Protein backbone atom coordinates (compact mmCIF):
# COMPACT_ATOMS: atom_id res chain seq x y z
CA MET A 1 -15.41 6.66 -1.02
CA ASP A 2 -14.59 8.64 2.13
CA HIS A 3 -11.24 10.43 2.64
CA ASP A 4 -9.82 7.94 4.85
CA GLU A 5 -10.06 5.27 1.85
CA THR A 6 -8.06 7.50 -0.11
CA THR A 7 -5.29 8.35 1.83
CA PRO A 8 -2.01 6.67 0.70
CA VAL A 9 -0.75 4.28 3.70
CA HIS A 10 3.33 4.44 3.82
CA LEU A 11 4.85 1.35 5.96
CA HIS A 12 7.88 0.14 6.96
CA ARG A 13 10.04 -2.54 8.49
CA ILE A 14 13.55 -2.41 9.78
CA ASP A 15 15.40 -5.01 11.39
CA PRO A 16 19.04 -4.21 11.35
CA SER A 17 19.86 -7.76 12.89
CA ARG A 18 18.85 -9.18 9.56
CA ASN A 19 19.96 -6.11 7.83
CA MET A 20 16.41 -5.46 6.56
CA ARG A 21 15.08 -2.05 5.70
CA ARG A 22 11.70 -2.13 3.61
CA PHE A 23 8.71 0.10 2.55
CA TYR A 24 5.54 -0.78 1.48
CA THR A 25 2.86 1.96 -0.03
CA LEU A 26 -0.59 1.86 -0.66
CA VAL A 27 -2.59 4.16 -2.51
CA ILE A 28 -6.36 3.91 -4.09
CA GLN A 29 -6.83 5.77 -7.10
CA PRO A 30 -10.19 5.97 -9.82
CA THR A 31 -9.21 5.41 -13.44
CA LEU A 32 -10.21 7.13 -16.54
CA PHE A 33 -13.06 4.36 -17.38
CA GLY A 34 -15.20 4.55 -13.80
CA GLY A 35 -12.90 1.64 -12.10
CA VAL A 36 -10.81 1.93 -9.15
CA SER A 37 -7.06 0.94 -9.06
CA VAL A 38 -5.17 -0.31 -5.89
CA ILE A 39 -1.32 0.70 -6.42
CA ARG A 40 0.98 -0.55 -4.49
CA ASN A 41 5.01 0.05 -4.60
CA TRP A 42 7.00 -1.69 -2.14
CA GLY A 43 11.18 -2.26 -2.15
CA ARG A 44 14.30 -1.65 -0.11
CA ILE A 45 14.20 1.75 1.68
CA GLY A 46 16.43 3.80 -0.65
CA THR A 47 15.51 2.30 -3.77
CA ASN A 48 12.63 2.95 -6.16
CA GLY A 49 11.49 -0.61 -5.48
CA GLN A 50 8.76 -2.49 -7.85
CA SER A 51 5.00 -1.37 -8.26
CA MET A 52 1.81 -3.25 -8.87
CA MET A 53 -1.49 -2.15 -10.29
CA GLU A 54 -4.99 -4.00 -9.47
CA THR A 55 -7.90 -2.56 -11.48
CA PHE A 56 -11.42 -2.79 -9.75
CA ASP A 57 -14.97 -2.22 -10.98
CA SER A 58 -16.28 -1.18 -7.89
CA ASP A 59 -15.06 1.13 -4.78
CA ASP A 60 -16.17 -1.67 -2.37
CA ALA A 61 -13.71 -4.46 -4.02
CA ALA A 62 -10.97 -1.91 -4.33
CA THR A 63 -11.26 -1.08 -0.63
CA ASN A 64 -11.73 -4.78 0.48
CA ALA A 65 -8.20 -5.25 -1.33
CA PHE A 66 -6.67 -2.35 0.04
CA SER A 67 -7.78 -3.55 3.76
CA ARG A 68 -6.31 -7.19 3.20
CA LEU A 69 -3.13 -6.12 2.08
CA GLU A 70 -2.54 -3.80 4.82
CA ARG A 71 -3.34 -5.93 7.42
CA THR A 72 -1.32 -9.15 5.54
CA LYS A 73 1.45 -6.50 5.84
CA ARG A 74 1.11 -5.34 9.60
CA ARG A 75 0.90 -8.43 10.43
CA LYS A 76 4.08 -9.37 9.11
CA GLY A 77 5.73 -6.72 10.93
CA TYR A 78 5.28 -3.52 9.03
CA ARG A 79 4.30 0.09 10.77
CA ASP A 80 3.83 3.17 9.87
CA SER A 81 6.54 5.17 8.76
CA GLY A 82 5.59 8.70 9.85
CA LEU A 83 5.15 10.02 6.41
CA ALA A 84 2.59 12.61 5.75
């Protein structure tokens, strides 16, 4: 995997007129058994939110899922949060 693919993505969506302050984080991490996991965390800003982990057998499958999830969230109005 390239370094860019393993960089966490921190997104947020803030709409004061709808009282909406949400975050969404995506990370790719290797598993202990040779697989790759896509870990996502989401919720209202200021809370711990919820988490979900999907495990894949190959780097390509995990990268495709990561890209698909990121693209979907950006289409829904999520933007970079500015976290490093």
